[in-house]
């Protein structure tokens, strides 16, 4: 969910498995949130007509605003976007992105698109254009799916070197300036968070240390 302080944009939402849902999974701080707010700023200030392309890496398919609270200038800016289509609604103003990327997908970018994806520049993100993508299936701990010849896996998650393709030791790369991508040459992929087990063990160890410390420092009970 994205909430603008001036209420010009109330929600950014994603389409998951055909069900419209508020995007509550994204952290509200960090480079991903910063990039999202910068992209929205580009749109509502009229600095771009490719707002859908700027929002595409986040998996955002819809922008929803309160019709009564949406400033005229913001409405004009959103209406002017070449890749956002107005959807009829009552009491709300809804735009649908024509170029949103899946939240996790195998992609086949051209060499030029590879360079643009690796850039953190909003100008470059707008220039990526359409490319073949195949959505991956969300599973516990990651995603699975066929690549259809795709050479990259794009994840709409903030960059983290712990994401891995099972059986592939290549390190993930930063994409769009904030997200995560992995190169692949396999017909199918299983993407998992490789640091989950060490992280879980560390949390258990920390809990055990705290339990021992509390036991040692406990106050004796007066009788």
Foldseek 3Di string as FASTA:
>chain_A
DDADPQQQFHAFWAQDPNDTDGPPPADCDDPLVVQVVVLLVCQLVLVDLASLLSCQLLRGFKTKGQPVRHDPSSVVSQVSRPQWDWDDDPRMTMTGGPAHDHQKWFWAFDPLLVVLFQDQDSVSSSVNDHTDIDDFDDDVQFTKDFRCQGFKMWHSHFDDQQKDWPPDPDTWGHTNNTTTMDTDRDRMTTIGRNCPVVVVVVVVVVVVVVVVVCVVPPDDDDD
